[in-house]
């Protein structure tokens, strides 16, 4: 069992702050749930375009793009699904 921790890198904290309070709370609860699991990486999808991150979580219509470095999930971006994959 690996204990992962999460850090917000770049503008990901600003992305989260821009969301309405209900969505922000939903994403925070879901991230806590993922981190509480023995292996949170079973809930991820590997991204083809690694410019926005190597993996992503899905929370409703929002996507959380992140990289895994050792036992740390580095959140890179939190955006609506229509916006996150655009350049």
C-alpha atoms as a PDB file:
ATOM      1  CA  UNK A   1       0.000   0.000   0.000  1.00  0.00           C
ATOM      2  CA  UNK A   2       1.423   3.318  -1.077  1.00  0.00           C
ATOM      3  CA  UNK A   3       0.240   6.503   0.544  1.00  0.00           C
ATOM      4  CA  UNK A   4      -0.034   9.168  -2.109  1.00  0.00           C
ATOM      5  CA  UNK A   5      -0.142  12.865  -1.408  1.00  0.00           C
ATOM      6  CA  UNK A   6      -1.379  15.587  -3.695  1.00  0.00           C
ATOM      7  CA  UNK A   7       0.158  18.946  -4.571  1.00  0.00           C
ATOM      8  CA  UNK A   8      -1.278  21.637  -6.798  1.00  0.00           C
ATOM      9  CA  UNK A   9       1.292  22.775  -9.357  1.00  0.00           C
ATOM     10  CA  UNK A  10       1.175  25.725 -11.718  1.00  0.00           C
ATOM     11  CA  UNK A  11      -2.231  27.283 -12.217  1.00  0.00           C
ATOM     12  CA  UNK A  12      -4.232  24.292 -10.963  1.00  0.00           C
ATOM     13  CA  UNK A  13      -5.057  26.015  -7.657  1.00  0.00           C
ATOM     14  CA  UNK A  14      -6.368  29.020  -9.610  1.00  0.00           C
ATOM     15  CA  UNK A  15      -8.398  26.655 -11.806  1.00  0.00           C
ATOM     16  CA  UNK A  16     -10.016  25.232  -8.686  1.00  0.00           C
ATOM     17  CA  UNK A  17     -10.651  28.652  -7.153  1.00  0.00           C
ATOM     18  CA  UNK A  18     -12.471  29.829 -10.307  1.00  0.00           C
ATOM     19  CA  UNK A  19     -15.142  27.137  -9.952  1.00  0.00           C
ATOM     20  CA  UNK A  20     -18.408  27.605  -8.120  1.00  0.00           C
ATOM     21  CA  UNK A  21     -18.508  26.376  -4.532  1.00  0.00           C
ATOM     22  CA  UNK A  22     -20.640  23.284  -5.226  1.00  0.00           C
ATOM     23  CA  UNK A  23     -18.332  22.042  -7.989  1.00  0.00           C
ATOM     24  CA  UNK A  24     -15.239  22.885  -5.951  1.00  0.00           C
ATOM     25  CA  UNK A  25     -16.564  20.898  -3.004  1.00  0.00           C
ATOM     26  CA  UNK A  26     -17.512  17.961  -5.237  1.00  0.00           C
ATOM     27  CA  UNK A  27     -14.015  17.846  -6.744  1.00  0.00           C
ATOM     28  CA  UNK A  28     -12.374  18.137  -3.305  1.00  0.00           C
ATOM     29  CA  UNK A  29     -14.488  15.277  -1.924  1.00  0.00           C
ATOM     30  CA  UNK A  30     -13.721  13.081  -4.912  1.00  0.00           C
ATOM     31  CA  UNK A  31      -9.973  13.773  -4.662  1.00  0.00           C
ATOM     32  CA  UNK A  32     -10.077  12.855  -0.966  1.00  0.00           C
ATOM     33  CA  UNK A  33     -11.862   9.638  -1.895  1.00  0.00           C
ATOM     34  CA  UNK A  34      -9.262   8.759  -4.532  1.00  0.00           C
ATOM     35  CA  UNK A  35      -6.371   9.419  -2.135  1.00  0.00           C
ATOM     36  CA  UNK A  36      -7.993   7.313   0.602  1.00  0.00           C
ATOM     37  CA  UNK A  37      -7.928   4.223  -1.626  1.00  0.00           C
ATOM     38  CA  UNK A  38      -5.093   1.701  -1.518  1.00  0.00           C
ATOM     39  CA  UNK A  39      -4.265   2.395  -5.161  1.00  0.00           C
ATOM     40  CA  UNK A  40      -5.846   5.601  -6.489  1.00  0.00           C
ATOM     41  CA  UNK A  41      -4.280   4.978  -9.896  1.00  0.00           C
ATOM     42  CA  UNK A  42      -6.938   2.385 -10.726  1.00  0.00           C
ATOM     43  CA  UNK A  43      -9.341   5.326 -11.234  1.00  0.00           C
ATOM     44  CA  UNK A  44      -7.180   7.162 -13.778  1.00  0.00           C
ATOM     45  CA  UNK A  45      -6.887   7.254 -17.516  1.00  0.00           C
ATOM     46  CA  UNK A  46      -3.524   7.603 -19.175  1.00  0.00           C
ATOM     47  CA  UNK A  47      -3.479  10.649 -21.462  1.00  0.00           C
ATOM     48  CA  UNK A  48      -2.067  10.431 -24.975  1.00  0.00           C
ATOM     49  CA  UNK A  49      -1.063  14.107 -25.097  1.00  0.00           C
ATOM     50  CA  UNK A  50       1.371  14.486 -22.210  1.00  0.00           C
ATOM     51  CA  UNK A  51       1.546  18.298 -22.575  1.00  0.00           C
ATOM     52  CA  UNK A  52      -1.325  18.597 -20.103  1.00  0.00           C
ATOM     53  CA  UNK A  53      -0.243  15.716 -17.858  1.00  0.00           C
ATOM     54  CA  UNK A  54       0.242  11.980 -17.939  1.00  0.00           C
ATOM     55  CA  UNK A  55      -3.023  10.994 -16.250  1.00  0.00           C
ATOM     56  CA  UNK A  56      -6.464  12.344 -15.502  1.00  0.00           C
ATOM     57  CA  UNK A  57      -9.267  11.851 -13.018  1.00  0.00           C
ATOM     58  CA  UNK A  58     -12.851  12.392 -14.113  1.00  0.00           C
ATOM     59  CA  UNK A  59     -15.250  14.177 -11.775  1.00  0.00           C
ATOM     60  CA  UNK A  60     -18.538  14.824 -13.541  1.00  0.00           C
ATOM     61  CA  UNK A  61     -17.877  17.186 -16.440  1.00  0.00           C
ATOM     62  CA  UNK A  62     -14.488  18.183 -15.051  1.00  0.00           C
ATOM     63  CA  UNK A  63     -11.092  16.627 -15.660  1.00  0.00           C
ATOM     64  CA  UNK A  64      -8.124  16.768 -13.316  1.00  0.00           C
ATOM     65  CA  UNK A  65      -4.872  16.350 -15.244  1.00  0.00           C
ATOM     66  CA  UNK A  66      -1.833  15.318 -13.216  1.00  0.00           C
ATOM     67  CA  UNK A  67       1.563  13.650 -13.198  1.00  0.00           C
ATOM     68  CA  UNK A  68       2.830  11.023 -10.765  1.00  0.00           C
ATOM     69  CA  UNK A  69       6.278  11.634  -9.270  1.00  0.00           C
ATOM     70  CA  UNK A  70       7.280   8.987  -6.729  1.00  0.00           C
ATOM     71  CA  UNK A  71       4.373   9.014  -4.254  1.00  0.00           C
ATOM     72  CA  UNK A  72       3.088  12.483  -5.186  1.00  0.00           C
ATOM     73  CA  UNK A  73       0.229  13.362  -7.507  1.00  0.00           C
ATOM     74  CA  UNK A  74       1.104  16.738  -9.024  1.00  0.00           C
ATOM     75  CA  UNK A  75      -2.129  18.334 -10.224  1.00  0.00           C
ATOM     76  CA  UNK A  76      -1.465  20.390 -13.328  1.00  0.00           C
ATOM     77  CA  UNK A  77      -4.913  21.461 -14.465  1.00  0.00           C
ATOM     78  CA  UNK A  78      -8.566  21.300 -13.416  1.00  0.00           C
ATOM     79  CA  UNK A  79     -10.909  22.271 -16.224  1.00  0.00           C
ATOM     80  CA  UNK A  80     -14.208  21.471 -17.875  1.00  0.00           C
ATOM     81  CA  UNK A  81     -14.019  18.600 -20.322  1.00  0.00           C
ATOM     82  CA  UNK A  82     -14.654  20.886 -23.310  1.00  0.00           C
ATOM     83  CA  UNK A  83     -11.658  23.077 -22.426  1.00  0.00           C
ATOM     84  CA  UNK A  84      -8.949  20.862 -20.991  1.00  0.00           C
ATOM     85  CA  UNK A  85      -7.822  19.193 -24.206  1.00  0.00           C
ATOM     86  CA  UNK A  86      -7.657  22.399 -26.253  1.00  0.00           C
ATOM     87  CA  UNK A  87      -4.265  23.949 -26.937  1.00  0.00           C
END
